[in-house]
Protein backbone atom coordinates (compact mmCIF):
# COMPACT_ATOMS: atom_id res chain seq x y z
CA MET A 1 43.00 67.25 57.16
CA ASP A 2 44.02 63.62 57.37
CA PRO A 3 46.31 63.12 60.38
CA GLN A 4 47.97 60.02 58.92
CA PRO A 5 49.96 61.79 56.16
CA GLN A 6 51.04 64.40 58.69
CA ALA A 7 52.25 61.66 61.07
CA GLY A 8 54.07 59.92 58.23
CA LYS A 9 55.79 63.18 57.23
CA ALA A 10 56.88 63.86 60.82
CA SER A 11 58.25 60.32 61.14
CA LEU A 12 60.18 60.76 57.89
CA GLN A 13 61.66 64.02 59.10
CA ARG A 14 62.74 62.42 62.40
CA SER A 15 64.34 59.49 60.57
CA ARG A 16 66.26 61.91 58.37
CA ALA A 17 67.43 63.82 61.43
CA LEU A 18 68.87 60.65 62.98
CA PRO A 19 72.37 59.57 61.91
CA GLN A 20 72.14 56.93 59.20
CA PRO A 21 74.30 53.76 59.14
CA GLY A 22 77.78 54.60 58.04
CA GLU A 23 77.31 58.27 58.89
CA GLY A 24 78.83 60.06 61.83
CA PRO A 25 80.93 63.03 62.77
CA PRO A 26 83.85 63.58 60.44
CA PRO A 27 87.14 62.23 61.75
CA ALA A 28 89.30 64.69 63.60
CA PRO A 29 92.16 65.98 61.51
CA ARG A 30 95.45 64.30 62.31
CA LEU A 31 98.06 66.71 63.55
CA GLY A 32 101.71 66.15 62.93
CA ALA A 33 104.39 66.83 65.50
CA VAL A 34 104.66 70.48 64.49
CA GLY A 35 100.89 70.94 64.54
CA TRP A 36 100.59 69.32 67.97
CA VAL A 37 103.31 71.58 69.39
CA ARG A 38 101.70 74.66 67.89
CA GLN A 39 98.23 73.75 69.18
CA ASN A 40 99.23 72.64 72.71
CA LEU A 41 102.36 74.65 73.55
CA PHE A 42 102.22 77.84 71.44
CA SER A 43 98.49 78.43 70.97
CA THR A 44 98.77 81.96 72.43
CA TRP A 45 101.63 84.33 73.14
CA TYR A 46 101.55 83.70 76.92
CA ASN A 47 101.46 79.92 76.41
CA GLY A 48 104.53 80.32 74.21
CA VAL A 49 106.32 82.33 76.92
CA LEU A 50 105.43 79.74 79.59
CA THR A 51 106.64 76.93 77.33
CA VAL A 52 109.99 78.64 76.71
CA VAL A 53 110.49 79.40 80.42
CA CYS A 54 109.62 75.81 81.47
CA VAL A 55 111.93 74.32 78.83
CA TRP A 56 114.76 76.58 80.00
CA LEU A 57 114.22 75.62 83.65
CA LEU A 58 114.11 71.90 82.81
CA TYR A 59 117.27 72.22 80.74
CA ALA A 60 119.14 74.15 83.42
CA ALA A 61 118.10 71.78 86.22
CA GLY A 62 118.50 68.65 84.10
CA THR A 63 122.03 69.46 82.97
CA ARG A 64 123.13 70.15 86.55
CA VAL A 65 121.56 66.95 87.86
CA LEU A 66 123.02 64.82 85.08
CA ALA A 67 126.43 66.41 85.55
CA TRP A 68 126.33 65.57 89.24
CA VAL A 69 125.08 62.00 88.66
CA PHE A 70 127.63 61.08 85.99
CA ALA A 71 130.62 63.26 86.90
CA THR A 72 130.61 64.37 90.53
CA ALA A 73 128.74 61.72 92.54
CA GLN A 74 130.81 58.90 94.05
CA TRP A 75 128.66 55.82 93.53
CA THR A 76 131.33 53.62 95.06
CA VAL A 77 129.47 53.92 98.36
CA VAL A 78 126.50 52.12 96.79
CA ARG A 79 128.49 49.54 94.84
CA VAL A 80 130.67 48.53 97.80
CA ASN A 81 127.76 48.33 100.24
CA LEU A 82 125.14 46.86 97.91
CA ARG A 83 124.89 43.63 99.91
CA LEU A 84 124.44 45.66 103.12
CA PHE A 85 121.60 47.60 101.51
CA LEU A 86 119.86 44.41 100.44
CA ALA A 87 120.51 41.96 103.29
CA GLY A 88 122.11 43.97 106.08
CA ARG A 89 123.71 41.81 108.75
CA TYR A 90 122.17 38.59 107.49
CA PRO A 91 124.89 35.85 107.57
CA GLN A 92 126.85 35.97 104.35
CA ASP A 93 127.06 32.20 104.01
CA GLN A 94 123.25 32.03 104.16
CA THR A 95 122.55 34.74 101.61
CA TRP A 96 121.51 32.07 99.10
CA ARG A 97 118.29 31.71 101.08
CA ILE A 98 117.35 35.29 100.30
CA TRP A 99 117.96 34.71 96.59
CA ALA A 100 115.85 31.55 96.86
CA VAL A 101 113.03 33.67 98.29
CA VAL A 102 113.40 36.19 95.45
CA LEU A 103 113.26 33.46 92.80
CA PHE A 104 110.32 31.74 94.53
CA VAL A 105 108.24 34.92 94.77
CA ALA A 106 109.19 36.01 91.24
CA GLY A 107 108.21 32.59 89.87
CA LEU A 108 104.88 32.72 91.65
CA GLY A 109 104.31 36.23 90.36
CA VAL A 110 105.02 35.22 86.75
CA ALA A 111 102.75 32.18 87.10
CA SER A 112 99.98 34.37 88.53
CA TRP A 113 100.32 36.87 85.69
CA ALA A 114 100.22 34.11 83.08
CA ALA A 115 97.20 32.46 84.69
CA TRP A 116 95.36 35.78 84.96
CA ASN A 117 95.84 36.54 81.24
CA ALA A 118 95.17 33.01 79.96
CA ALA A 119 92.20 32.19 82.19
CA ARG A 120 89.64 32.76 79.42
CA ARG A 121 91.38 30.45 76.95
CA HIS A 122 92.66 27.55 79.06
CA PRO A 123 90.65 25.73 81.76
CA ALA A 124 93.83 24.87 83.69
CA ALA A 125 94.76 28.55 83.88
CA ALA A 126 91.24 29.41 85.08
CA TRP A 127 91.54 26.72 87.76
CA PHE A 128 94.86 28.16 88.96
CA ARG A 129 93.53 31.72 88.85
CA ARG A 130 90.74 30.83 91.26
CA ARG A 131 93.35 29.51 93.69
CA LEU A 132 95.77 32.42 93.43
CA PRO A 133 94.83 33.89 96.84
CA LEU A 134 95.43 30.51 98.49
CA ALA A 135 98.75 30.09 96.66
CA TRP A 136 100.01 33.49 97.83
CA PHE A 137 98.77 32.80 101.36
CA LEU A 138 100.62 29.49 101.51
CA SER A 139 103.77 31.09 100.09
CA PHE A 140 104.16 33.22 103.21
CA PRO A 141 105.10 30.32 105.55
CA VAL A 142 107.59 29.13 102.93
CA VAL A 143 109.23 32.56 102.83
CA VAL A 144 109.38 32.73 106.63
CA TRP A 145 110.92 29.25 106.77
CA LEU A 146 113.60 30.19 104.25
CA VAL A 147 114.46 33.46 106.01
CA ARG A 148 114.13 32.31 109.64
CA GLY A 149 115.34 28.72 109.25
CA GLY A 150 114.47 25.60 111.17
CA ALA A 151 113.35 22.19 109.89
CA GLY A 152 116.72 21.47 108.32
CA LEU A 153 118.01 25.03 107.89
CA PRO A 154 120.19 26.96 110.38
CA VAL A 155 118.13 29.41 112.43
CA VAL A 156 118.93 33.09 111.76
CA ASP A 157 117.93 35.30 114.68
CA THR A 158 115.61 38.19 113.85
CA SER A 159 118.19 40.63 115.27
CA LEU A 160 120.19 39.90 112.09
CA TRP A 161 117.27 40.73 109.78
CA SER A 162 118.05 44.14 108.34
CA GLY A 163 118.29 46.19 105.17
CA LEU A 164 115.79 45.84 102.36
CA LEU A 165 115.01 42.32 103.58
CA LEU A 166 113.58 43.67 106.86
CA THR A 167 111.74 46.49 105.07
CA LEU A 168 109.96 44.05 102.76
CA LEU A 169 109.13 41.62 105.58
CA LEU A 170 107.64 44.42 107.68
CA ALA A 171 105.60 45.67 104.71
CA VAL A 172 104.33 42.23 103.71
CA VAL A 173 103.33 41.29 107.26
CA GLY A 174 101.67 44.68 107.72
CA ILE A 175 99.68 44.28 104.49
CA VAL A 176 98.68 40.67 105.08
CA GLY A 177 97.73 41.30 108.71
CA SER A 178 95.99 44.68 108.41
CA PHE A 179 93.75 43.78 105.45
CA PRO A 180 91.50 41.17 107.15
CA LEU A 181 91.62 43.03 110.47
CA GLY A 182 90.57 46.24 108.73
CA ILE A 183 87.64 44.45 107.07
CA LEU A 184 86.49 43.08 110.43
CA LEU A 185 86.73 46.53 112.02
CA ALA A 186 84.76 48.09 109.16
CA LEU A 187 82.03 45.47 109.50
CA GLY A 188 82.08 45.92 113.28
CA ARG A 189 81.63 49.67 112.92
CA ARG A 190 78.49 49.05 110.85
CA SER A 191 77.24 46.27 113.10
CA SER A 192 73.79 46.40 114.64
CA LEU A 193 75.23 45.19 117.97
CA PRO A 194 75.91 48.29 120.12
CA ALA A 195 78.87 46.78 121.99
CA VAL A 196 80.65 45.62 118.82
CA ARG A 197 80.00 48.93 117.10
CA ALA A 198 81.22 50.97 120.08
CA LEU A 199 84.42 48.94 120.50
CA SER A 200 85.21 49.17 116.79
CA ILE A 201 84.68 52.93 116.75
CA LEU A 202 86.77 53.35 119.91
CA TYR A 203 89.67 51.38 118.46
CA ILE A 204 89.58 53.06 115.04
CA GLU A 205 89.37 56.61 116.33
CA THR A 206 91.96 56.05 119.06
CA VAL A 207 94.57 54.59 116.69
CA ARG A 208 93.90 57.16 113.97
CA GLY A 209 94.33 59.91 116.55
CA VAL A 210 98.00 59.15 117.27
CA PRO A 211 101.05 59.06 114.97
CA LEU A 212 102.65 55.78 113.92
CA ILE A 213 105.88 56.48 115.78
CA THR A 214 103.86 56.55 119.02
CA ILE A 215 102.49 53.09 118.27
CA LEU A 216 105.98 51.81 117.50
CA PHE A 217 107.39 53.23 120.74
CA MET A 218 104.51 51.69 122.68
CA ALA A 219 105.18 48.33 121.04
CA GLN A 220 108.92 48.48 121.76
CA VAL A 221 108.98 50.13 125.21
CA MET A 222 105.60 49.82 126.92
CA PHE A 223 104.37 46.45 125.69
CA PRO A 224 107.06 44.39 127.51
CA VAL A 225 106.08 46.12 130.77
CA PHE A 226 102.67 44.45 130.68
CA MET A 227 104.08 41.01 129.91
CA PRO A 228 104.81 38.38 132.61
CA GLU A 229 108.27 38.25 134.13
CA GLY A 230 110.76 36.63 131.78
CA VAL A 231 108.52 36.94 128.70
CA ARG A 232 109.94 39.42 126.22
CA PRO A 233 108.57 39.26 122.66
CA ASP A 234 110.97 39.68 119.76
CA ARG A 235 111.63 43.30 118.72
CA VAL A 236 110.88 42.62 115.07
CA LEU A 237 107.61 40.91 115.97
CA ARG A 238 106.67 43.88 118.14
CA ALA A 239 107.31 46.25 115.24
CA MET A 240 105.22 44.06 112.93
CA ALA A 241 102.37 44.05 115.46
CA GLY A 242 102.52 47.85 115.74
CA LEU A 243 102.34 48.28 111.95
CA VAL A 244 99.42 45.85 111.68
CA LEU A 245 97.44 47.52 114.46
CA PHE A 246 98.06 51.01 113.09
CA THR A 247 97.32 50.27 109.43
CA SER A 248 94.19 48.22 110.18
CA ALA A 249 92.45 51.32 111.59
CA TYR A 250 92.98 53.25 108.35
CA MET A 251 92.11 50.19 106.30
CA ALA A 252 88.82 49.93 108.18
CA GLU A 253 87.82 53.44 107.11
CA ASN A 254 88.71 52.71 103.48
CA VAL A 255 86.61 49.55 103.50
CA ARG A 256 83.75 51.35 105.27
CA GLY A 257 83.64 53.84 102.40
CA GLY A 258 83.24 50.94 99.99
CA LEU A 259 80.51 49.35 102.12
CA GLN A 260 78.54 52.58 102.06
CA ALA A 261 78.75 52.65 98.25
CA VAL A 262 76.84 49.34 97.91
CA PRO A 263 73.14 50.06 97.32
CA ARG A 264 70.86 48.94 100.10
CA GLY A 265 68.51 47.41 97.54
CA GLN A 266 71.03 44.70 96.68
CA VAL A 267 71.19 43.60 100.30
CA GLU A 268 67.41 43.53 100.55
CA ALA A 269 67.14 41.55 97.29
CA ALA A 270 69.68 38.98 98.51
CA MET A 271 67.83 38.63 101.82
CA ALA A 272 64.55 38.20 99.93
CA LEU A 273 66.11 35.31 97.99
CA GLY A 274 66.80 33.54 101.27
CA LEU A 275 70.56 34.15 101.68
CA LYS A 276 71.85 34.21 105.23
CA SER A 277 73.28 37.48 106.50
CA HIS A 278 76.89 36.24 106.49
CA LEU A 279 76.53 35.01 102.90
CA VAL A 280 75.09 38.36 101.88
CA VAL A 281 78.17 40.08 103.29
CA LEU A 282 80.68 37.62 101.80
CA LEU A 283 79.11 37.13 98.37
CA ILE A 284 77.23 40.37 97.66
CA VAL A 285 78.49 43.29 99.75
CA LEU A 286 82.22 42.77 100.29
CA PRO A 287 83.17 42.02 96.64
CA GLN A 288 81.51 45.22 95.45
CA ALA A 289 82.84 47.28 98.36
CA LEU A 290 86.45 46.16 97.93
CA ARG A 291 86.27 46.60 94.15
CA ALA A 292 85.12 50.20 94.61
CA VAL A 293 87.98 51.18 96.94
CA ILE A 294 90.93 49.44 95.26
CA PRO A 295 92.79 52.77 94.73
CA ALA A 296 92.38 53.73 98.39
CA ILE A 297 93.48 50.30 99.62
CA VAL A 298 96.57 50.21 97.42
CA GLY A 299 97.37 53.76 98.43
CA GLN A 300 97.28 52.65 102.06
CA PHE A 301 99.59 49.74 101.25
CA ILE A 302 102.07 52.10 99.57
CA SER A 303 101.94 54.39 102.58
CA LEU A 304 102.59 51.42 104.87
CA PHE A 305 105.61 50.36 102.79
CA LYS A 306 107.13 53.84 103.12
CA ASP A 307 106.22 54.11 106.81
CA THR A 308 108.38 51.07 107.58
CA SER A 309 111.32 53.50 107.51
CA LEU A 310 110.20 54.76 110.94
CA VAL A 311 111.33 51.54 112.61
CA ALA A 312 114.91 52.88 112.32
CA ILE A 313 113.97 55.34 115.08
CA VAL A 314 113.22 52.49 117.49
CA GLY A 315 116.51 50.72 116.82
CA LEU A 316 115.75 48.36 113.93
CA SER A 317 118.09 48.36 110.94
CA ASP A 318 115.76 48.49 107.98
CA LEU A 319 116.84 50.02 104.67
CA THR A 320 116.99 53.50 106.19
CA GLY A 321 118.80 52.26 109.29
CA ILE A 322 121.41 50.48 107.17
CA ALA A 323 121.90 53.69 105.20
CA ARG A 324 122.72 55.52 108.44
CA SER A 325 125.21 52.85 109.47
CA ILE A 326 126.91 53.02 106.04
CA LEU A 327 127.24 56.79 106.35
CA ALA A 328 129.00 56.26 109.68
CA GLN A 329 131.87 54.43 107.94
CA PRO A 330 134.97 56.67 107.87
CA GLN A 331 135.60 56.26 104.12
CA PHE A 332 132.03 57.30 103.26
CA LEU A 333 131.50 60.29 105.55
CA GLY A 334 129.49 63.00 103.87
CA ARG A 335 128.10 60.81 101.06
CA TYR A 336 124.52 61.63 102.09
CA ALA A 337 123.27 62.54 98.61
CA GLU A 338 124.36 59.30 96.95
CA VAL A 339 123.14 57.04 99.75
CA TYR A 340 119.74 58.62 100.27
CA LEU A 341 119.16 59.01 96.53
CA PHE A 342 119.70 55.27 96.15
CA VAL A 343 117.35 54.57 99.09
CA ALA A 344 114.72 56.87 97.56
CA LEU A 345 115.07 55.07 94.22
CA VAL A 346 114.45 51.70 95.89
CA TYR A 347 111.33 52.98 97.65
CA TRP A 348 110.08 54.53 94.40
CA ILE A 349 110.55 51.31 92.41
CA PHE A 350 108.48 49.23 94.84
CA SER A 351 105.83 51.93 95.34
CA TYR A 352 105.41 52.53 91.62
CA SER A 353 105.23 48.78 90.99
CA MET A 354 102.32 48.52 93.43
CA SER A 355 100.65 51.47 91.72
CA LEU A 356 101.01 49.81 88.31
CA ALA A 357 99.62 46.54 89.65
CA SER A 358 96.68 48.46 91.12
CA ARG A 359 95.84 50.14 87.81
CA ARG A 360 96.08 46.84 85.97
CA LEU A 361 93.72 45.22 88.48
CA GLU A 362 91.29 48.11 88.08
CA ARG A 363 91.27 47.66 84.30
CA GLN A 364 90.74 43.92 84.67
CA LEU A 365 87.77 44.47 87.00
CA GLY A 366 86.40 47.44 85.09
CA VAL A 367 86.48 49.83 88.05
CA GLY A 368 84.80 53.09 87.10
CA GLU A 369 83.44 51.65 83.85
CA ARG A 370 80.54 49.46 84.92
């Protein structure tokens, strides 16, 4: 028997088995609203019972909450003390500086968003996008100058920084300071130098083994003891230092997880091409490592933002501390629900905004897709 006709017949059968151009699985039937409810909520009798019970619970709880929010709650405590929540004891005649900071940061944020989206179409936008990290880095001294004063502006002592202003400053300084320090600690933990590796491990495991409030108490109470006579660092600066030192240890472990995800073969290939070791780390390893752990890094930043509320325990009047002082006013005694619900809403808005920005960055970089 001639093998060629047999081979031709087998090839024809395989080609018929493959999907032809224009062919494919039939489109899924489109369900209307009623069909979707029936398929997802009432597909079986017990799913129907669970759906009815959950709807009843949501209705009962929702009506009570809405009745309290719109009929019972006294939101006067928030409206009257809104400036205290936002700026605390910051001088009232200098409040315009805080609004200037808000407008400056918002303008930079809008410009960054526009440059990020238009970078592929306009060369000027691409040029600005490449310099976004530098622009945000240089904006920090401008913000500090506006808030602190000096060089033509009246100086506002840090003891007057309070409310949401202090919360945001603590969070921003903690994020900006802990990120590079955490990267250095992660690289030190993977270093081939025994002394560097041992010191990095000792620092990371020691800091991660104690709660944040312990670090804050050490910064506020114990740190001045070791300083020379007459030298007493500012309380706000001590709190910032404690947050940076604490968060950097956790950041180091997040970055180390990303470093371990980079294949060893890429490092060897870069070394074979003649790249120096520091260039391999900066250009090959770190970009891939940081891209892989964006969710963990942003999660740590969100945790840091919420942990700033602990500084109220060591005597600083952040947003939570201002809330306690407002509740001490005679006309607002007992208004705990309204005050702390407003504080929780503020924390949620900023935390969710960081989460949204993180997801957008992940989509832009294709994390988990390629």
